Protein backbone atom coordinates (compact mmCIF):
# COMPACT_ATOMS: atom_id res chain seq x y z
CA MET A 1 -0.03 -0.04 -0.09
CA SER A 2 1.29 3.50 -0.83
CA SER A 3 2.08 5.92 2.01
CA THR A 4 -0.70 8.23 0.79
CA PRO A 5 -4.16 7.04 1.69
CA PRO A 6 -6.94 7.25 -0.90
CA LYS A 7 -9.19 10.23 -0.76
CA SER A 8 -12.38 8.07 -0.72
CA GLY A 9 -13.83 5.18 1.28
CA LEU A 10 -13.06 5.00 4.95
CA TRP A 11 -9.67 6.72 4.95
CA PRO A 12 -10.82 10.34 5.08
CA TYR A 13 -12.87 9.52 8.20
CA LEU A 14 -10.03 7.51 9.79
CA LEU A 15 -7.57 10.30 9.25
CA LYS A 16 -9.79 12.83 10.82
CA THR A 17 -9.84 10.72 13.97
CA GLY A 18 -6.11 10.26 14.17
CA VAL A 19 -5.59 6.78 12.65
CA SER A 20 -2.64 6.82 10.23
CA THR A 21 -1.30 4.53 7.55
CA SER A 22 1.55 3.61 9.83
CA THR A 23 -0.80 2.00 12.31
CA CYS A 24 -3.36 0.66 9.94
CA ASN A 25 -3.06 -0.81 6.41
CA GLU A 26 -6.62 -2.32 6.29
CA PRO A 27 -9.08 0.61 6.64
CA GLU A 28 -12.21 -1.59 7.24
CA ARG A 29 -10.60 -3.54 10.08
CA CYS A 30 -9.17 -0.35 11.67
CA TYR A 31 -12.52 1.45 11.35
CA ILE A 32 -14.21 -1.43 13.29
CA ARG A 33 -11.41 -1.68 15.83
CA PHE A 34 -10.94 2.09 16.53
CA MET A 35 -14.26 3.68 15.84
CA ARG A 36 -17.05 1.23 16.64
CA THR A 37 -18.56 -0.46 19.59
CA VAL A 38 -21.71 -2.30 20.34
CA ARG A 39 -22.96 -2.09 23.91
CA GLY A 40 -26.19 -2.72 25.89
CA VAL A 41 -28.75 0.08 25.92
CA LYS A 42 -28.97 2.59 28.69
CA PHE A 43 -31.93 4.72 29.69
CA LYS A 44 -30.29 7.87 28.51
CA ASP A 45 -30.00 6.45 24.99
CA ALA A 46 -33.84 6.76 24.32
CA ASP A 47 -33.57 10.02 22.37
CA ALA A 48 -30.71 8.71 20.16
CA ILE A 49 -32.66 5.52 19.45
CA TRP A 50 -35.75 7.53 18.50
CA ARG A 51 -33.69 9.65 16.13
CA ILE A 52 -32.74 6.39 14.41
CA LEU A 53 -36.13 4.77 14.52
CA GLU A 54 -38.28 7.64 13.46
CA PRO A 55 -37.13 7.98 9.76
CA MET A 56 -37.59 4.19 9.39
CA VAL A 57 -41.13 4.38 10.99
CA ARG A 58 -42.06 7.42 8.86
CA ALA A 59 -40.85 5.91 5.64
CA GLY A 60 -42.95 2.71 6.18
CA GLU A 61 -40.82 0.66 3.83
CA THR A 62 -39.08 -1.95 5.96
CA TYR A 63 -40.98 -2.66 9.11
CA PRO A 64 -44.67 -3.45 9.49
CA LEU A 65 -45.28 -0.63 11.90
CA PRO A 66 -47.87 2.22 11.82
CA ARG A 67 -46.20 5.23 10.06
CA GLU A 68 -47.91 7.58 12.61
CA MET A 69 -46.34 5.79 15.53
CA ASN A 70 -45.08 8.27 18.17
CA LYS A 71 -41.79 8.23 20.08
CA ASP A 72 -43.21 6.55 23.21
CA GLU A 73 -44.98 3.85 21.15
CA ALA A 74 -41.82 3.20 19.07
CA LEU A 75 -39.51 2.96 22.05
CA ALA A 76 -42.03 0.67 23.88
CA TYR A 77 -42.03 -1.58 20.76
CA TRP A 78 -38.14 -1.56 20.37
CA THR A 79 -37.31 -1.99 24.06
CA GLY A 80 -40.07 -4.30 25.03
CA ASN A 81 -39.73 -6.35 28.22
CA ASP A 82 -38.67 -9.41 26.40
CA HIS A 83 -36.11 -7.54 24.22
CA GLU A 84 -32.37 -7.33 25.00
CA VAL A 85 -31.47 -4.06 23.32
CA PHE A 86 -28.09 -2.88 21.99
CA VAL A 87 -26.73 0.29 20.37
CA ALA A 88 -23.93 0.66 17.87
CA GLU A 89 -21.69 3.65 18.47
CA GLU A 90 -19.26 5.16 16.02
CA ASP A 91 -16.78 7.52 17.54
CA GLY A 92 -19.06 7.85 20.53
CA GLU A 93 -22.25 8.68 18.55
CA ILE A 94 -25.10 6.15 18.51
CA VAL A 95 -25.62 5.21 14.86
CA GLY A 96 -27.52 1.93 15.09
CA THR A 97 -29.57 -0.28 17.34
CA TYR A 98 -30.84 -3.88 17.47
CA PHE A 99 -32.88 -6.01 19.79
CA LEU A 100 -32.60 -9.76 20.47
CA LYS A 101 -35.46 -11.80 21.83
CA ALA A 102 -36.92 -15.24 21.85
CA ASN A 103 -38.97 -15.73 18.60
CA GLN A 104 -41.73 -17.62 20.43
CA LYS A 105 -42.51 -18.82 23.94
CA GLY A 106 -42.55 -22.28 25.19
CA GLY A 107 -41.49 -24.88 22.61
CA GLY A 108 -40.20 -22.19 20.29
CA ALA A 109 -38.15 -20.31 22.81
CA HIS A 110 -34.89 -21.81 21.63
CA VAL A 111 -35.00 -19.66 18.35
CA ALA A 112 -34.10 -16.07 18.58
CA ASN A 113 -35.47 -13.11 16.71
CA CYS A 114 -33.75 -9.76 16.05
CA GLY A 115 -34.52 -6.34 14.55
CA TYR A 116 -31.90 -3.94 13.27
CA VAL A 117 -31.96 -0.28 12.36
CA THR A 118 -29.07 1.90 11.09
CA ALA A 119 -29.14 5.71 11.16
CA ALA A 120 -29.58 7.00 7.66
CA THR A 121 -26.34 9.02 7.88
CA ALA A 122 -24.38 5.90 8.73
CA GLN A 123 -25.66 3.46 6.14
CA GLY A 124 -23.25 1.72 3.78
CA ARG A 125 -20.44 1.47 6.25
CA GLY A 126 -20.97 -2.17 7.48
CA LEU A 127 -22.88 -1.35 10.67
CA ALA A 128 -25.79 -3.65 10.02
CA ARG A 129 -23.30 -6.42 9.36
CA MET A 130 -21.44 -5.59 12.61
CA MET A 131 -24.67 -5.64 14.57
CA CYS A 132 -25.75 -8.91 12.84
CA HIS A 133 -22.50 -10.59 13.85
CA HIS A 134 -22.79 -9.18 17.38
CA SER A 135 -26.33 -10.57 17.63
CA ILE A 136 -25.22 -13.98 16.39
CA ASP A 137 -22.61 -14.12 19.11
CA ARG A 138 -25.04 -12.87 21.70
CA ALA A 139 -27.67 -15.45 20.68
CA LYS A 140 -25.13 -18.15 20.92
CA ALA A 141 -24.08 -16.87 24.46
CA ARG A 142 -27.76 -17.10 25.48
CA ALA A 143 -27.94 -20.71 24.14
CA PHE A 144 -30.40 -20.01 21.29
CA ARG A 145 -30.14 -22.68 18.62
CA ALA A 146 -31.13 -20.49 15.73
CA LEU A 147 -32.00 -17.02 14.55
CA GLN A 148 -35.19 -16.27 12.56
CA PHE A 149 -36.32 -13.15 10.90
CA ASN A 150 -40.13 -13.52 10.52
CA PHE A 151 -40.93 -10.58 8.15
CA VAL A 152 -38.13 -9.29 5.86
CA VAL A 153 -39.75 -7.09 3.25
CA ALA A 154 -38.68 -8.62 -0.10
CA THR A 155 -38.14 -5.26 -1.76
CA ASN A 156 -35.46 -4.42 0.88
CA ALA A 157 -32.88 -5.93 -1.40
CA ASN A 158 -29.83 -4.65 0.57
CA ALA A 159 -31.07 -6.30 3.71
CA VAL A 160 -31.93 -9.54 2.08
CA ARG A 161 -28.42 -9.76 0.54
CA LEU A 162 -26.78 -8.83 3.82
CA TRP A 163 -28.58 -11.45 5.75
CA GLN A 164 -27.85 -14.11 3.11
CA SER A 165 -24.16 -13.12 3.43
CA CYS A 166 -24.33 -13.68 7.16
CA GLY A 167 -25.61 -17.16 6.66
CA PHE A 168 -29.37 -16.67 6.65
CA GLN A 169 -31.53 -18.62 4.18
CA ILE A 170 -34.87 -17.68 2.78
CA VAL A 171 -37.18 -20.49 4.13
CA GLY A 172 -40.47 -19.04 3.34
CA ARG A 173 -42.27 -16.31 1.26
CA LEU A 174 -45.44 -14.59 2.32
CA PRO A 175 -47.15 -13.31 -0.85
CA ASP A 176 -48.37 -9.76 -0.79
CA ALA A 177 -47.91 -9.60 3.05
CA PHE A 178 -46.64 -6.07 3.23
CA LEU A 179 -48.28 -2.86 1.92
CA HIS A 180 -45.43 -0.81 0.75
CA PRO A 181 -46.22 2.93 0.61
CA ARG A 182 -44.80 3.29 -2.93
CA LEU A 183 -44.84 -0.17 -4.48
CA GLY A 184 -48.16 -1.52 -3.24
CA TYR A 185 -48.42 -5.08 -2.01
CA VAL A 186 -45.09 -6.91 -1.81
CA ASP A 187 -43.81 -10.25 -0.46
CA ALA A 188 -42.31 -10.66 2.93
CA LEU A 189 -39.62 -13.32 3.59
CA VAL A 190 -38.96 -15.63 6.42
CA MET A 191 -35.20 -16.01 6.96
CA TYR A 192 -33.40 -18.54 9.09
CA ARG A 193 -29.90 -19.29 10.33
CA ALA A 194 -28.87 -22.27 12.53
CA LEU A 195 -26.46 -21.41 15.34
């Protein structure tokens, strides 16, 4: 690698935070190592989580939630009693969040379920992948045997590709299960990964 870092990709961000080519020759690994953390949610995180959730709720394109949902309703949904909630931080700023829970009760409680949202300003930098890997590790630590996504909107192609690259398979298709605000009725996918 040349001593002059590229002017695009992750290098400009890394250089602003003090990482240099002498300490890092793989920007993606250094970006994750130096700039990102995933931690359990704290009460004080509520406003930051709402700033991430609100655009997703209002757009109505990826989660089957009412678009008029208010802050209290959205936070109650996201941080439900049965949810273990995490936030992803980038250079100290909360830029993503996910929850982990049992997909079902009783005989189905050995399969986990998750939901993920990345801040619009932080998309395309691998945060969703990082949160997915964190959730897989956390689900294993909690002795879940699998992870299942019950309702992945089929038109959310980036998410479908990402989950597949993380080892999830499409195991079911629900025809016209989601009313997309622009595209009309579209399919939803059930995706599954054994742990």
